[in-house]
């Protein structure tokens, strides 16, 4: 399951839970609308804080370096042909 699919399922579950709470009388429609309007900015603030924290930056770099592969094969079997100039 991809992240987009997971988020879609989560949105549907939250919509169902909100509708259920309104139907049971636990929340009014206005309260549900206020809560639904509050969630995206709070999640956005949390996301920025998480990504800009030192541990978030380290995790991002680690994820990038884990997938990095050099484009030139690193063959260490060659021998240096340089000679040392000087006396002897």
PDB file of N, CA and C in Angstrom:
ATOM      1  N   UNK A   1       0.847  -1.175   0.000  1.00  0.00           N
ATOM      2  CA  UNK A   1       0.000   0.000   0.000  1.00  0.00           C
ATOM      3  C   UNK A   1       0.895   1.241   0.000  1.00  0.00           C
ATOM      4  N   UNK A   2       0.640   2.141  -0.925  1.00  0.00           N
ATOM      5  CA  UNK A   2       1.454   3.341  -1.025  1.00  0.00           C
ATOM      6  C   UNK A   2       0.998   4.374   0.008  1.00  0.00           C
ATOM      7  N   UNK A   3       1.806   5.410   0.165  1.00  0.00           N
ATOM      8  CA  UNK A   3       1.476   6.471   1.113  1.00  0.00           C
ATOM      9  C   UNK A   3       0.190   7.184   0.704  1.00  0.00           C
ATOM     10  N   UNK A   4      -0.012   7.422  -0.587  1.00  0.00           N
ATOM     11  CA  UNK A   4      -1.234   8.077  -1.056  1.00  0.00           C
ATOM     12  C   UNK A   4      -2.467   7.243  -0.740  1.00  0.00           C
ATOM     13  N   UNK A   5      -2.374   5.945  -0.930  1.00  0.00           N
ATOM     14  CA  UNK A   5      -3.500   5.070  -0.622  1.00  0.00           C
ATOM     15  C   UNK A   5      -3.792   5.062   0.879  1.00  0.00           C
ATOM     16  N   UNK A   6      -2.737   5.024   1.668  1.00  0.00           N
ATOM     17  CA  UNK A   6      -2.903   5.035   3.118  1.00  0.00           C
ATOM     18  C   UNK A   6      -3.564   6.331   3.584  1.00  0.00           C
ATOM     19  N   UNK A   7      -3.133   7.455   3.036  1.00  0.00           N
ATOM     20  CA  UNK A   7      -3.732   8.741   3.410  1.00  0.00           C
ATOM     21  C   UNK A   7      -5.186   8.827   2.968  1.00  0.00           C
ATOM     22  N   UNK A   8      -5.519   8.263   1.825  1.00  0.00           N
ATOM     23  CA  UNK A   8      -6.910   8.255   1.362  1.00  0.00           C
ATOM     24  C   UNK A   8      -7.788   7.437   2.309  1.00  0.00           C
ATOM     25  N   UNK A   9      -7.298   6.288   2.739  1.00  0.00           N
ATOM     26  CA  UNK A   9      -8.048   5.463   3.685  1.00  0.00           C
ATOM     27  C   UNK A   9      -8.215   6.200   5.008  1.00  0.00           C
ATOM     28  N   UNK A  10      -7.154   6.856   5.464  1.00  0.00           N
ATOM     29  CA  UNK A  10      -7.215   7.617   6.712  1.00  0.00           C
ATOM     30  C   UNK A  10      -8.238   8.746   6.629  1.00  0.00           C
ATOM     31  N   UNK A  11      -8.272   9.451   5.511  1.00  0.00           N
ATOM     32  CA  UNK A  11      -9.262  10.527   5.328  1.00  0.00           C
ATOM     33  C   UNK A  11     -10.677   9.976   5.380  1.00  0.00           C
ATOM     34  N   UNK A  12     -10.901   8.836   4.754  1.00  0.00           N
ATOM     35  CA  UNK A  12     -12.230   8.237   4.773  1.00  0.00           C
ATOM     36  C   UNK A  12     -12.626   7.800   6.179  1.00  0.00           C
ATOM     37  N   UNK A  13     -11.692   7.231   6.910  1.00  0.00           N
ATOM     38  CA  UNK A  13     -11.984   6.817   8.281  1.00  0.00           C
ATOM     39  C   UNK A  13     -12.293   8.020   9.175  1.00  0.00           C
ATOM     40  N   UNK A  14     -11.552   9.103   9.003  1.00  0.00           N
ATOM     41  CA  UNK A  14     -11.822  10.309   9.789  1.00  0.00           C
ATOM     42  C   UNK A  14     -13.169  10.911   9.422  1.00  0.00           C
ATOM     43  N   UNK A  15     -13.526  10.885   8.155  1.00  0.00           N
ATOM     44  CA  UNK A  15     -14.843  11.377   7.733  1.00  0.00           C
ATOM     45  C   UNK A  15     -15.947  10.531   8.346  1.00  0.00           C
ATOM     46  N   UNK A  16     -15.769   9.223   8.330  1.00  0.00           N
ATOM     47  CA  UNK A  16     -16.752   8.325   8.920  1.00  0.00           C
ATOM     48  C   UNK A  16     -16.888   8.586  10.422  1.00  0.00           C
ATOM     49  N   UNK A  17     -15.745   8.733  11.119  1.00  0.00           N
ATOM     50  CA  UNK A  17     -15.777   8.975  12.561  1.00  0.00           C
ATOM     51  C   UNK A  17     -16.461  10.299  12.877  1.00  0.00           C
ATOM     52  N   UNK A  18     -16.199  11.331  12.076  1.00  0.00           N
ATOM     53  CA  UNK A  18     -16.851  12.622  12.288  1.00  0.00           C
ATOM     54  C   UNK A  18     -18.347  12.540  12.062  1.00  0.00           C
ATOM     55  N   UNK A  19     -18.764  11.874  11.013  1.00  0.00           N
ATOM     56  CA  UNK A  19     -20.187  11.692  10.750  1.00  0.00           C
ATOM     57  C   UNK A  19     -20.872  10.890  11.844  1.00  0.00           C
ATOM     58  N   UNK A  20     -20.182   9.887  12.337  1.00  0.00           N
ATOM     59  CA  UNK A  20     -20.718   9.070  13.424  1.00  0.00           C
ATOM     60  C   UNK A  20     -20.899   9.912  14.687  1.00  0.00           C
ATOM     61  N   UNK A  21     -19.897  10.753  14.997  1.00  0.00           N
ATOM     62  CA  UNK A  21     -19.969  11.607  16.191  1.00  0.00           C
ATOM     63  C   UNK A  21     -21.114  12.614  16.076  1.00  0.00           C
ATOM     64  N   UNK A  22     -21.351  13.145  14.891  1.00  0.00           N
ATOM     65  CA  UNK A  22     -22.461  14.078  14.681  1.00  0.00           C
ATOM     66  C   UNK A  22     -23.789  13.338  14.796  1.00  0.00           C
ATOM     67  N   UNK A  23     -23.874  12.153  14.226  1.00  0.00           N
ATOM     68  CA  UNK A  23     -25.114  11.378  14.276  1.00  0.00           C
ATOM     69  C   UNK A  23     -25.465  10.974  15.705  1.00  0.00           C
ATOM     70  N   UNK A  24     -24.467  10.691  16.519  1.00  0.00           N
ATOM     71  CA  UNK A  24     -24.713  10.295  17.907  1.00  0.00           C
ATOM     72  C   UNK A  24     -24.982  11.497  18.813  1.00  0.00           C
ATOM     73  N   UNK A  25     -24.744  12.701  18.297  1.00  0.00           N
ATOM     74  CA  UNK A  25     -24.979  13.897  19.097  1.00  0.00           C
ATOM     75  C   UNK A  25     -23.797  14.307  19.949  1.00  0.00           C
ATOM     76  N   UNK A  26     -22.647  13.672  19.738  1.00  0.00           N
ATOM     77  CA  UNK A  26     -21.463  14.019  20.506  1.00  0.00           C
ATOM     78  C   UNK A  26     -20.888  15.354  20.056  1.00  0.00           C
ATOM     79  N   UNK A  27     -21.051  15.684  18.774  1.00  0.00           N
ATOM     80  CA  UNK A  27     -20.584  16.942  18.189  1.00  0.00           C
ATOM     81  C   UNK A  27     -21.693  17.541  17.351  1.00  0.00           C
ATOM     82  N   UNK A  28     -21.657  18.855  17.236  1.00  0.00           N
ATOM     83  CA  UNK A  28     -22.558  19.490  16.275  1.00  0.00           C
ATOM     84  C   UNK A  28     -21.826  19.589  14.942  1.00  0.00           C
ATOM     85  N   UNK A  29     -22.575  19.886  13.909  1.00  0.00           N
ATOM     86  CA  UNK A  29     -21.961  20.019  12.585  1.00  0.00           C
ATOM     87  C   UNK A  29     -20.944  21.161  12.573  1.00  0.00           C
ATOM     88  N   UNK A  30     -21.231  22.246  13.299  1.00  0.00           N
ATOM     89  CA  UNK A  30     -20.303  23.384  13.356  1.00  0.00           C
ATOM     90  C   UNK A  30     -19.005  22.998  14.069  1.00  0.00           C
ATOM     91  N   UNK A  31     -19.126  22.208  15.138  1.00  0.00           N
ATOM     92  CA  UNK A  31     -17.927  21.759  15.844  1.00  0.00           C
ATOM     93  C   UNK A  31     -17.068  20.867  14.954  1.00  0.00           C
ATOM     94  N   UNK A  32     -17.718  19.975  14.233  1.00  0.00           N
ATOM     95  CA  UNK A  32     -16.986  19.091  13.327  1.00  0.00           C
ATOM     96  C   UNK A  32     -16.283  19.899  12.239  1.00  0.00           C
ATOM     97  N   UNK A  33     -16.966  20.915  11.718  1.00  0.00           N
ATOM     98  CA  UNK A  33     -16.360  21.769  10.691  1.00  0.00           C
ATOM     99  C   UNK A  33     -15.151  22.510  11.253  1.00  0.00           C
ATOM    100  N   UNK A  34     -15.261  22.991  12.500  1.00  0.00           N
ATOM    101  CA  UNK A  34     -14.131  23.691  13.129  1.00  0.00           C
ATOM    102  C   UNK A  34     -12.951  22.752  13.346  1.00  0.00           C
ATOM    103  N   UNK A  35     -13.238  21.548  13.794  1.00  0.00           N
ATOM    104  CA  UNK A  35     -12.171  20.560  14.009  1.00  0.00           C
ATOM    105  C   UNK A  35     -11.518  20.189  12.685  1.00  0.00           C
ATOM    106  N   UNK A  36     -12.339  19.973  11.661  1.00  0.00           N
ATOM    107  CA  UNK A  36     -11.804  19.610  10.335  1.00  0.00           C
ATOM    108  C   UNK A  36     -10.975  20.748   9.756  1.00  0.00           C
ATOM    109  N   UNK A  37     -11.332  21.988  10.057  1.00  0.00           N
ATOM    110  CA  UNK A  37     -10.551  23.126   9.582  1.00  0.00           C
ATOM    111  C   UNK A  37      -9.266  23.330  10.359  1.00  0.00           C
ATOM    112  N   UNK A  38      -9.218  22.813  11.573  1.00  0.00           N
ATOM    113  CA  UNK A  38      -8.030  22.972  12.415  1.00  0.00           C
ATOM    114  C   UNK A  38      -6.960  21.926  12.110  1.00  0.00           C
ATOM    115  N   UNK A  39      -7.373  20.760  11.665  1.00  0.00           N
ATOM    116  CA  UNK A  39      -6.428  19.651  11.481  1.00  0.00           C
ATOM    117  C   UNK A  39      -5.349  19.935  10.425  1.00  0.00           C
ATOM    118  N   UNK A  40      -5.669  20.403   9.204  1.00  0.00           N
ATOM    119  CA  UNK A  40      -4.608  20.597   8.206  1.00  0.00           C
ATOM    120  C   UNK A  40      -3.488  21.570   8.618  1.00  0.00           C
ATOM    121  N   UNK A  41      -3.785  22.737   9.209  1.00  0.00           N
ATOM    122  CA  UNK A  41      -2.675  23.601   9.622  1.00  0.00           C
ATOM    123  C   UNK A  41      -1.825  22.992  10.732  1.00  0.00           C
ATOM    124  N   UNK A  42      -2.446  22.281  11.653  1.00  0.00           N
ATOM    125  CA  UNK A  42      -1.690  21.650  12.734  1.00  0.00           C
ATOM    126  C   UNK A  42      -0.770  20.563  12.169  1.00  0.00           C
ATOM    127  N   UNK A  43      -1.279  19.769  11.248  1.00  0.00           N
ATOM    128  CA  UNK A  43      -0.457  18.725  10.628  1.00  0.00           C
ATOM    129  C   UNK A  43       0.677  19.357   9.817  1.00  0.00           C
ATOM    130  N   UNK A  44       0.402  20.463   9.126  1.00  0.00           N
ATOM    131  CA  UNK A  44       1.444  21.145   8.344  1.00  0.00           C
ATOM    132  C   UNK A  44       2.547  21.688   9.250  1.00  0.00           C
ATOM    133  N   UNK A  45       2.174  22.273  10.374  1.00  0.00           N
ATOM    134  CA  UNK A  45       3.169  22.787  11.326  1.00  0.00           C
ATOM    135  C   UNK A  45       3.999  21.640  11.880  1.00  0.00           C
ATOM    136  N   UNK A  46       3.336  20.545  12.235  1.00  0.00           N
ATOM    137  CA  UNK A  46       4.057  19.390  12.757  1.00  0.00           C
ATOM    138  C   UNK A  46       5.020  18.837  11.703  1.00  0.00           C
ATOM    139  N   UNK A  47       4.563  18.782  10.445  1.00  0.00           N
ATOM    140  CA  UNK A  47       5.394  18.238   9.374  1.00  0.00           C
ATOM    141  C   UNK A  47       6.649  19.087   9.160  1.00  0.00           C
ATOM    142  N   UNK A  48       6.496  20.394   9.131  1.00  0.00           N
ATOM    143  CA  UNK A  48       7.651  21.287   8.945  1.00  0.00           C
ATOM    144  C   UNK A  48       8.591  21.163  10.126  1.00  0.00           C
ATOM    145  N   UNK A  49       8.058  21.107  11.325  1.00  0.00           N
ATOM    146  CA  UNK A  49       8.893  20.983  12.514  1.00  0.00           C
ATOM    147  C   UNK A  49       9.665  19.661  12.492  1.00  0.00           C
ATOM    148  N   UNK A  50       9.015  18.589  12.088  1.00  0.00           N
ATOM    149  CA  UNK A  50       9.643  17.275  12.031  1.00  0.00           C
ATOM    150  C   UNK A  50      10.745  17.231  10.984  1.00  0.00           C
ATOM    151  N   UNK A  51      10.485  17.827   9.810  1.00  0.00           N
ATOM    152  CA  UNK A  51      11.466  17.787   8.728  1.00  0.00           C
ATOM    153  C   UNK A  51      12.655  18.700   8.994  1.00  0.00           C
ATOM    154  N   UNK A  52      12.451  19.784   9.751  1.00  0.00           N
ATOM    155  CA  UNK A  52      13.546  20.725   9.971  1.00  0.00           C
ATOM    156  C   UNK A  52      14.313  20.450  11.260  1.00  0.00           C
ATOM    157  N   UNK A  53      13.878  19.473  12.036  1.00  0.00           N
ATOM    158  CA  UNK A  53      14.618  19.120  13.239  1.00  0.00           C
ATOM    159  C   UNK A  53      15.911  18.415  12.822  1.00  0.00           C
ATOM    160  N   UNK A  54      16.927  18.452  13.671  1.00  0.00           N
ATOM    161  CA  UNK A  54      18.184  17.779  13.316  1.00  0.00           C
ATOM    162  C   UNK A  54      18.000  16.298  12.998  1.00  0.00           C
ATOM    163  N   UNK A  55      17.183  15.602  13.753  1.00  0.00           N
ATOM    164  CA  UNK A  55      16.999  14.176  13.474  1.00  0.00           C
ATOM    165  C   UNK A  55      16.268  13.968  12.147  1.00  0.00           C
ATOM    166  N   UNK A  56      15.350  14.878  11.801  1.00  0.00           N
ATOM    167  CA  UNK A  56      14.661  14.790  10.510  1.00  0.00           C
ATOM    168  C   UNK A  56      15.604  15.028   9.351  1.00  0.00           C
ATOM    169  N   UNK A  57      16.528  15.968   9.524  1.00  0.00           N
ATOM    170  CA  UNK A  57      17.503  16.237   8.463  1.00  0.00           C
ATOM    171  C   UNK A  57      18.463  15.073   8.296  1.00  0.00           C
ATOM    172  N   UNK A  58      18.871  14.474   9.395  1.00  0.00           N
ATOM    173  CA  UNK A  58      19.767  13.314   9.323  1.00  0.00           C
ATOM    174  C   UNK A  58      19.064  12.151   8.633  1.00  0.00           C
ATOM    175  N   UNK A  59      17.797  11.939   8.949  1.00  0.00           N
ATOM    176  CA  UNK A  59      17.045  10.858   8.318  1.00  0.00           C
ATOM    177  C   UNK A  59      16.896  11.095   6.818  1.00  0.00           C
ATOM    178  N   UNK A  60      16.688  12.352   6.421  1.00  0.00           N
ATOM    179  CA  UNK A  60      16.551  12.663   4.996  1.00  0.00           C
ATOM    180  C   UNK A  60      17.863  12.404   4.257  1.00  0.00           C
ATOM    181  N   UNK A  61      18.977  12.796   4.841  1.00  0.00           N
ATOM    182  CA  UNK A  61      20.277  12.567   4.212  1.00  0.00           C
ATOM    183  C   UNK A  61      20.576  11.071   4.159  1.00  0.00           C
ATOM    184  N   UNK A  62      20.243  10.357   5.216  1.00  0.00           N
ATOM    185  CA  UNK A  62      20.484   8.912   5.231  1.00  0.00           C
ATOM    186  C   UNK A  62      19.658   8.218   4.157  1.00  0.00           C
ATOM    187  N   UNK A  63      18.436   8.673   3.958  1.00  0.00           N
ATOM    188  CA  UNK A  63      17.594   8.072   2.920  1.00  0.00           C
ATOM    189  C   UNK A  63      18.147   8.354   1.530  1.00  0.00           C
ATOM    190  N   UNK A  64      18.682   9.561   1.336  1.00  0.00           N
ATOM    191  CA  UNK A  64      19.262   9.890   0.028  1.00  0.00           C
ATOM    192  C   UNK A  64      20.541   9.103  -0.215  1.00  0.00           C
ATOM    193  N   UNK A  65      21.398   8.989   0.795  1.00  0.00           N
ATOM    194  CA  UNK A  65      22.672   8.303   0.595  1.00  0.00           C
ATOM    195  C   UNK A  65      22.488   6.800   0.479  1.00  0.00           C
ATOM    196  N   UNK A  66      21.408   6.259   1.037  1.00  0.00           N
ATOM    197  CA  UNK A  66      21.171   4.817   0.915  1.00  0.00           C
ATOM    198  C   UNK A  66      20.846   4.431  -0.518  1.00  0.00           C
ATOM    199  N   UNK A  67      20.236   5.344  -1.255  1.00  0.00           N
ATOM    200  CA  UNK A  67      19.879   5.031  -2.632  1.00  0.00           C
ATOM    201  C   UNK A  67      20.932   5.510  -3.633  1.00  0.00           C
ATOM    202  N   UNK A  68      21.983   6.177  -3.172  1.00  0.00           N
ATOM    203  CA  UNK A  68      23.001   6.714  -4.066  1.00  0.00           C
ATOM    204  C   UNK A  68      23.940   5.604  -4.507  1.00  0.00           C
ATOM    205  N   UNK A  69      24.227   5.597  -5.789  1.00  0.00           N
ATOM    206  CA  UNK A  69      25.219   4.670  -6.338  1.00  0.00           C
ATOM    207  C   UNK A  69      26.113   5.464  -7.284  1.00  0.00           C
ATOM    208  N   UNK A  70      27.399   5.240  -7.210  1.00  0.00           N
ATOM    209  CA  UNK A  70      28.285   5.983  -8.107  1.00  0.00           C
ATOM    210  C   UNK A  70      28.048   5.579  -9.559  1.00  0.00           C
ATOM    211  N   UNK A  71      28.153   6.550 -10.442  1.00  0.00           N
ATOM    212  CA  UNK A  71      27.946   6.255 -11.858  1.00  0.00           C
ATOM    213  C   UNK A  71      29.194   5.660 -12.501  1.00  0.00           C
ATOM    214  N   UNK A  72      30.343   5.842 -11.870  1.00  0.00           N
ATOM    215  CA  UNK A  72      31.593   5.282 -12.373  1.00  0.00           C
ATOM    216  C   UNK A  72      31.969   4.115 -11.461  1.00  0.00           C
ATOM    217  N   UNK A  73      32.228   2.955 -12.015  1.00  0.00           N
ATOM    218  CA  UNK A  73      32.602   1.835 -11.154  1.00  0.00           C
ATOM    219  C   UNK A  73      33.889   2.151 -10.401  1.00  0.00           C
ATOM    220  N   UNK A  74      33.889   1.859  -9.144  1.00  0.00           N
ATOM    221  CA  UNK A  74      35.044   2.150  -8.310  1.00  0.00           C
ATOM    222  C   UNK A  74      35.930   0.912  -8.253  1.00  0.00           C
ATOM    223  N   UNK A  75      36.841   0.788  -9.233  1.00  0.00           N
ATOM    224  CA  UNK A  75      37.735  -0.349  -9.317  1.00  0.00           C
ATOM    225  C   UNK A  75      39.038   0.020  -8.611  1.00  0.00           C
ATOM    226  N   UNK A  76      39.328  -0.655  -7.554  1.00  0.00           N
ATOM    227  CA  UNK A  76      40.535  -0.357  -6.771  1.00  0.00           C
ATOM    228  C   UNK A  76      41.711  -1.253  -7.162  1.00  0.00           C
ATOM    229  N   UNK A  77      41.606  -1.983  -8.251  1.00  0.00           N
ATOM    230  CA  UNK A  77      42.658  -2.925  -8.600  1.00  0.00           C
ATOM    231  C   UNK A  77      43.787  -2.286  -9.416  1.00  0.00           C
ATOM    232  N   UNK A  78      43.655  -1.007  -9.770  1.00  0.00           N
ATOM    233  CA  UNK A  78      44.688  -0.374 -10.579  1.00  0.00           C
ATOM    234  C   UNK A  78      45.906  -0.039  -9.722  1.00  0.00           C
ATOM    235  N   UNK A  79      47.042   0.077 -10.362  1.00  0.00           N
ATOM    236  CA  UNK A  79      48.292   0.435  -9.691  1.00  0.00           C
ATOM    237  C   UNK A  79      48.743   1.792 -10.209  1.00  0.00           C
ATOM    238  N   UNK A  80      49.291   2.572  -9.354  1.00  0.00           N
ATOM    239  CA  UNK A  80      49.780   3.872  -9.749  1.00  0.00           C
ATOM    240  C   UNK A  80      51.022   3.695 -10.631  1.00  0.00           C
ATOM    241  N   UNK A  81      51.070   4.434 -11.728  1.00  0.00           N
ATOM    242  CA  UNK A  81      52.230   4.357 -12.631  1.00  0.00           C
ATOM    243  C   UNK A  81      53.158   5.542 -12.432  1.00  0.00           C
ATOM    244  N   UNK A  82      52.854   6.376 -11.469  1.00  0.00           N
ATOM    245  CA  UNK A  82      53.704   7.543 -11.223  1.00  0.00           C
ATOM    246  C   UNK A  82      55.033   7.099 -10.634  1.00  0.00           C
ATOM    247  N   UNK A  83      56.102   7.744 -11.075  1.00  0.00           N
ATOM    248  CA  UNK A  83      57.429   7.436 -10.546  1.00  0.00           C
ATOM    249  C   UNK A  83      57.909   8.599  -9.706  1.00  0.00           C
ATOM    250  N   UNK A  84      58.725   8.311  -8.788  1.00  0.00           N
ATOM    251  CA  UNK A  84      59.266   9.332  -7.914  1.00  0.00           C
ATOM    252  C   UNK A  84      60.510   9.898  -8.580  1.00  0.00           C
ATOM    253  N   UNK A  85      60.542  11.207  -8.763  1.00  0.00           N
ATOM    254  CA  UNK A  85      61.720  11.852  -9.360  1.00  0.00           C
ATOM    255  C   UNK A  85      62.717  12.188  -8.278  1.00  0.00           C
ATOM    256  N   UNK A  86      63.900  12.019  -8.623  1.00  0.00           N
ATOM    257  CA  UNK A  86      64.925  12.373  -7.634  1.00  0.00           C
ATOM    258  C   UNK A  86      66.132  11.478  -7.791  1.00  0.00           C
ATOM    259  N   UNK A  87      67.001  11.595  -6.824  1.00  0.00           N
ATOM    260  CA  UNK A  87      68.236  10.843  -6.865  1.00  0.00           C
ATOM    261  C   UNK A  87      68.065   9.379  -6.578  1.00  0.00           C
ATOM    262  N   UNK A  88      69.119   8.651  -6.721  1.00  0.00           N
ATOM    263  CA  UNK A  88      69.289   7.230  -6.396  1.00  0.00           C
ATOM    264  C   UNK A  88      69.783   6.497  -7.545  1.00  0.00           C
TER     265      UNK A  88
END
